[in-house]
Protein backbone atom coordinates (compact mmCIF):
# COMPACT_ATOMS: atom_id res chain seq x y z
CA GLN A 1 4.55 43.75 26.52
CA GLY A 2 7.24 42.47 24.16
CA TRP A 3 4.88 40.08 22.36
CA SER A 4 5.30 39.72 18.60
CA LEU A 5 3.55 38.54 15.45
CA GLN A 6 5.59 36.74 12.82
CA THR A 7 4.30 36.61 9.24
CA GLY A 8 6.58 34.47 7.12
CA THR A 9 10.04 35.80 8.01
CA THR A 10 8.83 39.26 9.12
CA ILE A 11 8.48 39.86 12.88
CA LYS A 12 6.56 42.85 14.29
CA GLU A 13 6.42 43.72 18.00
CA PHE A 14 3.15 44.72 19.67
CA PRO A 15 2.80 47.91 21.69
CA VAL A 16 2.16 47.52 25.42
CA HIS A 17 -1.43 46.46 26.11
CA LEU A 18 -3.24 44.71 28.96
CA MET A 19 -5.58 42.19 27.33
CA LEU A 20 -8.59 41.34 29.48
CA PRO A 21 -10.36 37.95 29.63
CA GLY A 22 -12.76 37.57 26.71
CA GLU A 23 -11.38 40.64 24.95
CA TYR A 24 -10.94 40.84 21.18
CA LEU A 25 -8.10 42.86 19.66
CA ILE A 26 -7.89 44.04 16.06
CA VAL A 27 -4.28 43.97 14.86
CA THR A 28 -3.48 46.05 11.79
CA ALA A 29 -0.92 48.43 10.34
CA ALA A 30 -0.83 51.88 11.98
CA SER A 31 -1.89 53.42 8.68
CA ASN A 32 -5.21 51.52 8.83
CA ILE A 33 -6.33 52.55 12.34
CA SER A 34 -8.91 55.08 11.16
CA GLN A 35 -10.69 52.43 9.06
CA LEU A 36 -11.12 50.02 11.98
CA HIS A 37 -11.64 52.21 15.07
CA GLY A 38 -15.38 51.76 15.01
CA TYR A 39 -15.14 47.97 15.29
CA GLY A 40 -13.33 47.62 18.62
CA THR A 41 -9.92 47.94 20.25
CA VAL A 42 -7.21 48.33 17.62
CA LEU A 43 -3.60 47.36 18.29
CA PRO A 44 -1.38 48.99 15.64
CA LEU A 45 1.84 47.56 14.24
CA SER A 46 4.37 49.57 12.26
CA SER A 47 3.26 47.59 9.20
CA LEU A 48 1.34 44.41 8.46
CA SER A 49 1.04 42.44 5.23
CA ILE A 50 -0.84 39.13 5.18
CA PRO A 51 -0.61 37.31 1.80
CA ASN A 52 -3.87 36.29 0.14
CA GLU A 53 -2.64 32.87 -1.00
CA GLY A 54 -1.48 31.73 2.43
CA ALA A 55 1.22 32.13 5.08
CA ILE A 56 2.31 31.00 8.54
CA LEU A 57 1.43 33.36 11.40
CA ILE A 58 3.16 32.89 14.78
CA LEU A 59 2.21 34.66 18.00
CA ALA A 60 5.02 34.68 20.59
CA ASP A 61 5.57 36.19 24.04
CA SER A 62 8.47 38.38 25.16
CA THR A 63 10.71 35.33 25.76
CA GLY A 64 10.11 34.00 22.25
CA GLN A 65 7.89 31.16 23.48
CA GLN A 66 5.26 30.30 20.93
CA ILE A 67 1.70 31.05 22.07
CA HIS A 68 -0.19 30.10 18.92
CA ALA A 69 0.48 29.48 15.24
CA VAL A 70 -1.65 29.01 12.16
CA GLY A 71 -0.63 28.17 8.60
CA TYR A 72 -3.58 29.20 6.46
CA GLN A 73 -4.24 28.74 2.74
CA ASP A 74 -6.81 30.37 0.49
CA SER A 75 -8.48 26.95 0.11
CA TRP A 76 -9.63 27.36 3.72
CA TYR A 77 -12.40 29.67 2.53
CA GLY A 78 -14.30 26.68 1.15
CA ASN A 79 -15.91 29.20 -1.20
CA PRO A 80 -14.09 30.34 -4.38
CA ALA A 81 -16.21 33.49 -4.67
CA LYS A 82 -15.28 34.66 -1.17
CA ALA A 83 -11.65 33.68 -1.71
CA ASP A 84 -11.49 36.28 -4.50
CA GLY A 85 -11.48 39.08 -1.92
CA GLY A 86 -13.50 41.12 0.56
CA TRP A 87 -14.07 38.30 3.07
CA SER A 88 -12.15 37.03 6.08
CA ILE A 89 -11.68 33.46 7.24
CA GLU A 90 -12.72 32.71 10.82
CA MET A 91 -11.85 30.11 13.42
CA ILE A 92 -14.99 28.12 14.23
CA ASP A 93 -14.12 26.80 17.71
CA PRO A 94 -11.60 28.84 19.78
CA GLN A 95 -11.38 25.89 22.20
CA ASN A 96 -9.82 23.86 19.37
CA PRO A 97 -6.98 26.21 18.38
CA CYS A 98 -4.58 23.61 16.96
CA SER A 99 -6.81 22.25 14.20
CA GLY A 100 -6.14 23.61 10.76
CA GLU A 101 -8.46 23.73 7.78
CA THR A 102 -11.23 21.73 9.47
CA ASN A 103 -11.69 24.51 12.04
CA TRP A 104 -11.66 27.50 9.68
CA ILE A 105 -14.24 28.79 7.19
CA ALA A 106 -15.16 31.95 5.29
CA SER A 107 -17.11 34.49 7.35
CA CYS A 108 -20.89 34.51 6.94
CA ASP A 109 -21.28 38.05 8.28
CA VAL A 110 -22.91 40.36 5.72
CA SER A 111 -20.05 42.83 6.11
CA GLY A 112 -17.51 40.16 5.09
CA GLY A 113 -15.90 39.73 8.51
CA THR A 114 -16.26 40.16 12.27
CA PRO A 115 -13.35 42.30 13.48
CA GLY A 116 -13.48 43.01 17.20
CA LYS A 117 -16.34 40.62 18.02
CA GLN A 118 -17.29 36.93 18.16
CA ASN A 119 -16.89 35.12 14.84
CA SER A 120 -20.03 34.65 12.77
CA LEU A 121 -19.75 30.85 12.75
CA ASN A 122 -18.55 30.46 16.34
CA GLY A 123 -19.52 27.05 17.72
CA SER A 124 -18.38 23.69 19.03
CA ASN A 125 -16.03 21.87 16.64
CA PRO A 126 -13.85 19.59 18.78
CA ASP A 127 -10.93 17.54 17.51
CA ILE A 128 -11.78 13.88 18.19
CA THR A 129 -9.40 12.34 15.63
CA ALA A 130 -6.41 10.38 16.89
CA PRO A 131 -3.05 11.46 15.46
CA ILE A 132 -1.28 9.04 13.10
CA LEU A 133 2.43 8.34 12.83
CA LEU A 134 2.95 8.57 9.06
CA ARG A 135 6.61 7.87 8.33
CA ALA A 136 10.22 8.66 9.18
CA ASN A 137 12.76 10.54 7.08
CA TYR A 138 16.47 9.82 7.36
CA LEU A 139 18.53 12.90 8.30
CA ALA A 140 21.94 11.53 9.34
CA PRO A 141 23.41 8.25 10.66
CA ASP A 142 22.28 9.31 14.15
CA LYS A 143 19.13 11.32 13.34
CA ALA A 144 15.66 10.84 11.86
CA ARG A 145 12.55 12.98 11.50
CA LEU A 146 9.19 11.47 12.50
CA ILE A 147 6.20 12.86 10.62
CA PHE A 148 2.71 12.86 12.18
CA SER A 149 -0.67 13.55 10.62
CA GLU A 150 -1.33 16.57 12.86
CA ASN A 151 0.07 18.75 15.63
CA THR A 152 1.37 16.83 18.63
CA ASP A 153 1.48 17.98 22.23
CA SER A 154 5.03 19.32 22.38
CA LEU A 155 5.64 18.22 25.98
CA ALA A 156 4.60 14.62 25.32
CA ALA A 157 6.47 14.55 22.01
CA ALA A 158 9.69 15.65 23.75
CA LYS A 159 9.75 12.64 26.12
CA THR A 160 12.32 10.14 24.83
CA ILE A 161 10.63 7.34 26.80
CA ASN A 162 7.78 7.53 24.26
CA TYR A 163 10.04 6.15 21.50
CA THR A 164 11.53 2.65 21.35
CA ILE A 165 13.89 1.56 18.57
CA THR A 166 14.55 -2.05 17.57
CA PRO A 167 16.66 -4.08 17.08
CA GLY A 168 18.46 -3.17 20.27
CA ASN A 169 15.36 -2.07 22.21
CA PHE A 170 16.70 1.40 23.05
CA HIS A 171 15.36 4.94 23.41
CA PRO A 172 16.69 8.03 21.61
CA LEU A 173 18.98 10.47 23.38
CA GLU A 174 16.83 13.43 22.35
CA ALA A 175 13.37 14.08 20.92
CA THR A 176 12.79 17.60 19.63
CA PRO A 177 9.32 18.63 18.36
CA ALA A 178 9.72 21.08 15.48
CA ARG A 179 8.04 24.48 15.59
CA PRO A 180 5.66 25.93 14.70
CA PHE A 181 3.15 23.06 14.46
CA PHE A 182 4.99 20.23 16.27
CA ASP A 183 3.77 17.75 13.64
CA THR A 184 7.33 16.51 13.14
CA VAL A 185 9.79 15.33 15.79
CA ILE A 186 13.55 15.03 15.30
CA ILE A 187 15.02 12.14 17.27
CA LYS A 188 18.72 11.63 17.93
CA PHE A 189 19.97 8.07 18.39
CA PRO A 190 22.64 7.19 20.99
CA MET A 191 24.83 5.76 18.20
CA ASN A 192 25.03 5.70 14.42
CA LEU A 193 22.68 3.35 12.61
CA GLU A 194 24.25 0.28 11.04
CA PRO A 195 24.33 0.12 7.23
CA ASP A 196 21.99 -2.42 5.59
CA GLN A 197 19.89 -2.62 8.76
CA ILE A 198 16.24 -1.53 8.85
CA TYR A 199 15.19 -0.19 12.27
CA THR A 200 11.65 0.03 13.64
CA ILE A 201 10.64 3.04 15.72
CA ALA A 202 7.62 2.34 17.94
CA VAL A 203 5.84 5.34 19.47
CA SER A 204 3.85 5.07 22.69
CA GLU A 205 0.16 5.92 22.66
CA ASP A 206 0.97 8.26 25.58
CA LEU A 207 1.93 10.75 22.89
CA THR A 208 -1.11 12.95 22.20
CA ASP A 209 -2.19 15.70 19.87
CA CYS A 210 -2.88 19.26 21.01
CA ALA A 211 -6.47 18.31 21.94
CA GLY A 212 -5.37 15.36 24.08
CA ASN A 213 -6.26 12.54 21.67
CA ASN A 214 -3.87 9.62 22.12
CA LEU A 215 -1.79 8.30 19.26
CA GLN A 216 -3.18 5.20 17.60
CA ALA A 217 -2.10 2.06 19.46
CA LEU A 218 0.86 0.03 18.16
CA SER A 219 2.11 2.90 15.99
CA SER A 220 5.49 2.34 14.39
CA THR A 221 7.53 3.27 11.36
CA ARG A 222 10.90 2.32 9.89
CA VAL A 223 14.19 4.04 9.21
CA ALA A 224 17.45 2.99 7.58
CA ILE A 225 20.56 4.43 5.99
CA PRO A 226 19.38 4.71 2.38
CA SER A 227 21.03 3.95 -0.94
CA THR A 228 20.89 5.76 -4.27
CA ALA A 229 18.64 4.08 -6.83
CA GLU A 230 20.13 2.41 -9.88
CA ALA A 231 18.27 1.49 -13.07
CA GLY A 232 15.40 -0.86 -12.22
CA ASP A 233 15.59 -0.35 -8.44
CA VAL A 234 12.41 1.77 -8.51
CA VAL A 235 9.58 1.52 -11.05
CA ILE A 236 6.60 3.64 -12.05
CA ASN A 237 3.71 1.54 -10.77
CA GLU A 238 0.46 3.54 -11.03
CA LEU A 239 -0.65 6.75 -12.70
CA LEU A 240 -3.80 8.89 -12.51
CA THR A 241 -4.04 11.44 -15.33
CA ASN A 242 -7.78 12.15 -15.31
CA PRO A 243 -8.91 12.76 -11.71
CA ALA A 244 -12.62 13.03 -11.06
CA GLY A 245 -14.10 16.39 -10.07
CA ASN A 246 -11.55 18.80 -8.62
CA GLY A 247 -9.11 16.03 -7.74
CA LYS A 248 -5.41 15.99 -8.55
CA ASP A 249 -3.23 13.64 -10.59
CA TYR A 250 -1.05 11.14 -8.80
CA LEU A 251 2.05 9.07 -9.51
CA GLU A 252 2.99 5.93 -7.58
CA LEU A 253 6.45 4.38 -7.33
CA TYR A 254 7.33 0.85 -6.17
CA ASN A 255 10.63 -0.58 -4.94
CA PRO A 256 11.22 -4.15 -6.23
CA SER A 257 14.87 -4.13 -5.07
CA ALA A 258 16.47 -5.27 -1.82
CA SER A 259 17.74 -1.75 -0.98
CA THR A 260 16.16 1.13 0.93
CA ILE A 261 16.12 4.05 -1.50
CA ASP A 262 16.59 7.75 -0.72
CA MET A 263 13.81 9.35 -2.78
CA ALA A 264 15.43 12.79 -2.56
CA THR A 265 18.18 11.50 -4.88
CA MET A 266 15.68 11.05 -7.74
CA GLY A 267 13.91 13.39 -10.12
CA ILE A 268 11.06 13.22 -12.62
CA THR A 269 11.01 14.70 -16.09
CA TYR A 270 7.66 14.85 -17.88
CA LEU A 271 6.95 15.67 -21.52
CA SER A 272 3.38 15.63 -22.81
CA HIS A 273 2.65 14.51 -26.36
CA THR A 274 1.46 18.04 -27.16
CA SER A 275 4.46 19.94 -25.76
CA ALA A 276 7.99 20.50 -27.00
CA ILE A 277 9.37 21.43 -23.58
CA GLY A 278 9.57 19.02 -20.66
CA LYS A 279 9.31 19.76 -16.94
CA THR A 280 11.88 18.42 -14.46
CA VAL A 281 11.21 18.26 -10.72
CA PHE A 282 13.04 16.61 -7.84
CA LEU A 283 11.30 14.31 -5.39
CA PRO A 284 10.84 15.37 -1.75
CA PRO A 285 12.76 13.59 1.04
CA GLY A 286 11.59 10.14 2.00
CA LEU A 287 12.55 6.49 2.31
CA LEU A 288 11.30 3.84 -0.11
CA PHE A 289 11.80 0.45 1.51
CA PRO A 290 12.04 -2.90 -0.32
CA ASP A 291 8.57 -3.95 -1.50
CA GLY A 292 7.42 -0.44 -0.55
CA TYR A 293 5.17 2.11 -2.26
CA ALA A 294 5.31 5.91 -2.44
CA LEU A 295 2.49 7.92 -3.96
CA PHE A 296 2.93 11.59 -4.88
CA SER A 297 0.11 14.06 -5.37
CA GLN A 298 -0.32 17.81 -5.06
CA LYS A 299 -3.16 17.17 -2.59
CA PRO A 300 -3.05 13.57 -1.32
CA GLU A 301 -5.56 14.39 1.41
CA GLN A 302 -8.26 14.50 -1.29
CA LEU A 303 -7.72 10.87 -2.26
CA ALA A 304 -9.56 9.51 0.79
CA ASP A 305 -12.79 11.02 -0.59
CA ARG A 306 -12.71 8.57 -3.52
CA TYR A 307 -10.25 5.74 -2.91
CA THR A 308 -9.44 3.28 -0.14
CA ILE A 309 -6.36 4.43 1.78
CA ARG A 310 -4.61 1.51 3.46
CA SER A 311 -1.29 3.16 4.31
CA PRO A 312 -1.59 6.94 4.87
CA GLY A 313 2.18 7.17 5.36
CA ASN A 314 2.74 6.16 1.74
CA LEU A 315 0.91 9.27 0.48
CA ILE A 316 3.36 12.15 0.13
CA PRO A 317 2.38 15.77 -0.62
CA PHE A 318 4.28 17.06 -3.64
CA ALA A 319 3.24 20.53 -4.80
CA ASP A 320 5.62 20.40 -7.78
CA LEU A 321 4.22 17.19 -9.29
CA PRO A 322 3.46 17.87 -12.98
CA ASP A 323 -0.10 17.83 -14.27
CA PHE A 324 -0.13 14.80 -16.56
CA SER A 325 -1.89 15.27 -19.88
CA LEU A 326 -4.88 13.01 -20.48
CA SER A 327 -3.89 12.55 -24.13
CA GLY A 328 -0.52 11.08 -23.22
CA GLY A 329 3.12 11.77 -22.56
CA THR A 330 6.40 10.32 -21.33
CA ILE A 331 7.59 10.19 -17.72
CA TRP A 332 11.25 9.61 -16.94
CA LEU A 333 12.34 8.69 -13.41
CA HIS A 334 16.04 9.49 -13.17
CA LYS A 335 18.88 10.32 -10.84
CA MET A 336 18.81 13.84 -9.47
CA GLU A 337 22.30 14.75 -10.63
CA ASN A 338 21.83 13.59 -14.22
CA THR A 339 18.55 13.33 -16.12
CA GLU A 340 20.17 10.92 -18.58
CA LEU A 341 20.71 8.30 -15.84
CA VAL A 342 17.22 6.84 -16.18
CA ILE A 343 15.88 4.53 -13.46
CA ASP A 344 12.55 3.82 -15.18
CA SER A 345 10.32 5.45 -17.80
CA LEU A 346 6.77 5.21 -19.09
CA GLU A 347 5.20 6.41 -22.32
CA TYR A 348 1.45 6.37 -21.79
CA ASP A 349 -1.75 7.28 -23.63
CA GLU A 350 -5.47 6.65 -23.25
CA LYS A 351 -5.25 3.42 -25.26
CA LEU A 352 -3.54 1.75 -22.30
CA HIS A 353 -6.93 1.77 -20.56
CA SER A 354 -9.33 -1.15 -20.83
CA PRO A 355 -11.84 -0.86 -23.71
CA LEU A 356 -14.54 -1.74 -21.16
CA ILE A 357 -14.06 1.64 -19.47
CA THR A 358 -16.64 4.07 -20.87
CA SER A 359 -15.05 6.98 -18.98
CA THR A 360 -11.56 7.29 -17.55
CA ASP A 361 -12.63 9.91 -14.98
CA GLY A 362 -10.98 8.89 -11.73
CA VAL A 363 -9.60 5.65 -13.22
CA ALA A 364 -5.90 5.00 -12.61
CA LEU A 365 -3.55 3.07 -14.87
CA GLU A 366 -1.92 0.19 -12.99
CA ARG A 367 1.19 -1.79 -13.78
CA VAL A 368 0.37 -5.49 -13.95
CA ASN A 369 3.76 -6.74 -12.76
CA PRO A 370 6.61 -4.52 -11.49
CA LEU A 371 9.19 -7.06 -12.68
CA ARG A 372 8.11 -6.67 -16.29
CA LEU A 373 9.12 -3.76 -18.51
CA SER A 374 7.30 -0.43 -18.38
CA SER A 375 7.52 -0.30 -22.17
CA ASP A 376 5.45 -3.51 -22.49
CA ARG A 377 2.00 -2.12 -23.25
CA THR A 378 0.39 -5.40 -22.17
CA ASN A 379 1.83 -4.69 -18.71
CA TRP A 380 -0.67 -1.86 -18.07
CA GLN A 381 -4.39 -2.02 -17.32
CA SER A 382 -7.16 0.13 -15.86
CA ALA A 383 -7.59 -0.28 -12.10
CA GLY A 384 -10.48 -2.56 -11.19
CA ALA A 385 -13.96 -1.41 -10.21
CA ALA A 386 -13.93 -3.49 -7.02
CA ALA A 387 -10.90 -1.47 -5.86
CA GLY A 388 -12.63 1.85 -6.61
CA TYR A 389 -10.62 2.32 -9.84
CA GLY A 390 -7.41 3.11 -7.98
CA THR A 391 -5.09 1.64 -5.35
CA PRO A 392 -3.02 4.59 -4.12
CA GLY A 393 -0.10 3.50 -1.96
CA TYR A 394 -0.62 -0.27 -1.99
CA GLN A 395 -0.55 -3.32 -4.29
CA ASN A 396 -2.36 -2.80 -7.59
CA SER A 397 -5.74 -4.39 -8.13
CA GLN A 398 -4.49 -5.73 -11.48
CA TYR A 399 -1.27 -7.19 -10.07
CA ASN A 400 -0.52 -10.53 -11.69
CA ALA A 401 2.56 -12.49 -10.67
CA ASN A 402 4.67 -14.25 -13.25
CA PRO A 403 3.46 -17.87 -13.66
CA LYS A 404 5.47 -20.26 -11.49
CA ASP A 405 5.13 -23.15 -13.93
CA LYS A 406 8.36 -23.46 -15.95
CA GLY A 407 6.82 -25.09 -19.03
CA GLU A 408 7.53 -23.67 -22.48
CA LEU A 409 4.12 -21.92 -22.67
CA VAL A 410 2.01 -21.17 -19.61
CA CYS A 411 -1.21 -19.11 -19.30
CA ALA A 412 -2.23 -17.97 -15.82
CA PRO A 413 -4.91 -17.71 -14.75
CA HIS A 414 -6.13 -20.39 -17.12
CA VAL A 415 -9.69 -19.10 -16.65
CA PHE A 416 -10.07 -15.32 -16.61
CA SER A 417 -12.91 -12.78 -16.71
CA PRO A 418 -11.98 -9.35 -18.14
CA ASP A 419 -15.02 -7.50 -16.82
CA GLY A 420 -13.21 -4.60 -15.14
CA ASP A 421 -13.89 -5.71 -11.56
CA GLY A 422 -10.21 -6.08 -10.68
CA ARG A 423 -10.38 -9.88 -10.27
CA ASP A 424 -8.69 -11.96 -12.99
CA ASP A 425 -9.21 -9.18 -15.55
CA ILE A 426 -6.12 -10.24 -17.46
CA THR A 427 -4.22 -13.44 -18.13
CA SER A 428 -0.44 -13.65 -18.21
CA ILE A 429 1.19 -15.58 -21.04
CA ALA A 430 4.64 -16.85 -20.11
CA LEU A 431 7.13 -18.16 -22.65
CA HIS A 432 10.35 -19.99 -21.78
CA LEU A 433 12.98 -20.39 -24.51
CA ASP A 434 16.32 -22.16 -24.51
CA GLU A 435 18.09 -19.00 -25.65
CA SER A 436 17.30 -15.33 -26.16
CA GLY A 437 17.33 -13.19 -29.28
CA TYR A 438 14.28 -14.57 -31.08
CA MET A 439 11.39 -12.45 -32.35
CA ALA A 440 8.03 -13.73 -31.05
CA THR A 441 4.40 -13.22 -32.10
CA ILE A 442 1.37 -14.16 -29.97
CA ALA A 443 -1.95 -14.77 -31.72
CA ILE A 444 -5.29 -15.66 -30.09
CA TYR A 445 -7.78 -17.90 -31.94
CA ASP A 446 -11.38 -18.76 -31.10
CA ALA A 447 -12.73 -22.32 -31.03
CA SER A 448 -13.50 -22.10 -34.78
CA GLY A 449 -9.88 -21.33 -35.58
CA ARG A 450 -10.42 -17.66 -36.43
CA ARG A 451 -7.70 -15.28 -35.31
CA ILE A 452 -9.22 -12.60 -33.09
CA ALA A 453 -6.24 -10.86 -31.45
CA VAL A 454 -2.49 -10.34 -31.72
CA PRO A 455 -1.40 -8.92 -28.34
CA VAL A 456 2.31 -9.28 -29.24
CA ASN A 457 3.57 -8.81 -32.78
CA ASN A 458 7.17 -9.63 -33.68
CA GLN A 459 8.73 -8.55 -30.37
CA LEU A 460 12.22 -9.45 -29.21
CA ALA A 461 12.03 -12.29 -26.68
CA GLY A 462 14.41 -13.26 -23.91
CA ILE A 463 14.80 -16.63 -22.23
CA ASN A 464 11.97 -15.99 -19.74
CA ASN A 465 9.15 -13.78 -21.04
CA THR A 466 5.73 -12.72 -19.79
CA TRP A 467 3.03 -10.79 -21.66
CA SER A 468 -0.65 -10.16 -20.91
CA TRP A 469 -3.97 -10.29 -22.73
CA ASN A 470 -7.05 -8.43 -21.45
CA GLY A 471 -9.60 -10.11 -23.71
CA THR A 472 -9.61 -7.34 -26.33
CA THR A 473 -9.92 -8.31 -30.01
CA GLU A 474 -8.12 -6.77 -32.98
CA ARG A 475 -11.20 -4.61 -33.56
CA GLY A 476 -11.07 -3.17 -30.05
CA ASN A 477 -14.07 -5.15 -28.78
CA GLN A 478 -14.28 -7.62 -25.92
CA ALA A 479 -14.10 -11.25 -27.04
CA GLN A 480 -17.12 -13.43 -26.29
CA SER A 481 -17.08 -15.97 -23.47
CA GLY A 482 -15.58 -19.28 -24.52
CA ILE A 483 -12.43 -21.32 -25.12
CA TYR A 484 -9.50 -19.70 -26.92
CA ILE A 485 -6.23 -20.99 -28.31
CA VAL A 486 -2.99 -19.12 -27.67
CA LYS A 487 -0.36 -19.63 -30.36
CA ILE A 488 3.19 -18.29 -30.09
CA THR A 489 5.41 -18.33 -33.15
CA THR A 490 9.13 -17.56 -33.08
CA GLU A 491 11.35 -16.65 -36.01
CA ASP A 492 12.93 -20.12 -36.00
CA ASN A 493 9.41 -21.34 -36.89
CA ARG A 494 8.85 -22.86 -33.45
CA LYS A 495 5.12 -22.98 -32.64
CA LEU A 496 3.78 -23.30 -29.10
CA VAL A 497 0.08 -23.69 -28.32
CA GLY A 498 -1.91 -23.19 -25.12
CA LYS A 499 -5.60 -22.97 -24.15
CA LEU A 500 -7.59 -20.28 -22.31
CA VAL A 501 -11.15 -20.08 -20.99
CA LYS A 502 -12.70 -16.60 -21.04
CA ASN A 503 -15.74 -16.17 -18.79
């Protein structure tokens, strides 16, 4: 009596009914009773509309206390043909009611569903996976939202003793698990956070999920009062435009600055080379810490099927992320309030990939060095094979630091092997000049003195400069193993020479 079913924002109250142990009830609109009477006990509502594409359903008692909730999507069918219509999705294990997609599947009953009786695929499907603390979002100087990988036990999540914040070694005043899935918890601090201070929030393994699995030991995340990004504070660091199979594109950002950045203050505008109209979207809430990574994808959970995931908290679902054209386009990262206030930008095409790659399916483009310009085409390379052709959410496989030697011309590594394995695939060529403003050209010669490549042609040079060479010749082939001479010429006719060994 007084129980209700909420679908989206619509709440419908059930008629009075005494539900017996083990009983199944068919809930439908009153107008549909005649179609379902033969299948079992029908409980009519004044109306009922359940969207095909997905919705959140909440069952509550007469006091408003939540009894059960499920947020389904049409992808839960696991079968595109059945998702087109005429079939229901069924819970596999009723003893595991909190699990989402992993505990639901399209009905296998020949009639398309099992109203009023045991589900066709009923069986044991326990949740044995420990919950993960993913990240924290800043809400206010005295509040933060903790985000977990799955539903938590609301009673355990509400205990403030389960959270310890440092520096200061204190507990929050309040911990409020958020309905309907309790996979986020809002914590209120006893005071305002200090500016320019990064706090660590450690969560006790006494916190469990709905099935009783304890949180991973030594779980912690960070929170701080964030700043708004200025030009160069955040850079585009990795891009996947040609995902394998049914995968989704992804875009990775990196923070080379000393500030914690509020990602919700930034937007992305994308324009493909084949379109006249760009698409602008705004990033979801999140904190990007110094030396931190944030990877956005429409379905980041798919990435674990193909790539190594070292930091799950760095993978952020973003349904509005544009689909990046394989042929190329331009991505602008800018301030939310003004698209002309650009923080970083990248114009990409397939030619940025290594010529050794026979197929770019599932191969990400990686930035070689985040401190070098995005517009420097030698600063981009295909992700290495040893890294699985992508490094979502952590340091790029092709990362190459600027040479520390301060000589006029430095090549590092001196010996390199551009074979696509992600180890020493490129060499960095650093040039130090007494003053800026010169135009520089880099030419590569083989041991016979024949010019084979010009990775940089008449580019404006600063005082400290770094470019890269991936072993590709002017003809687009890979140079043979051997010793090569690097010659840099500036417009004042200065000539600098170095030596490389290509394995």
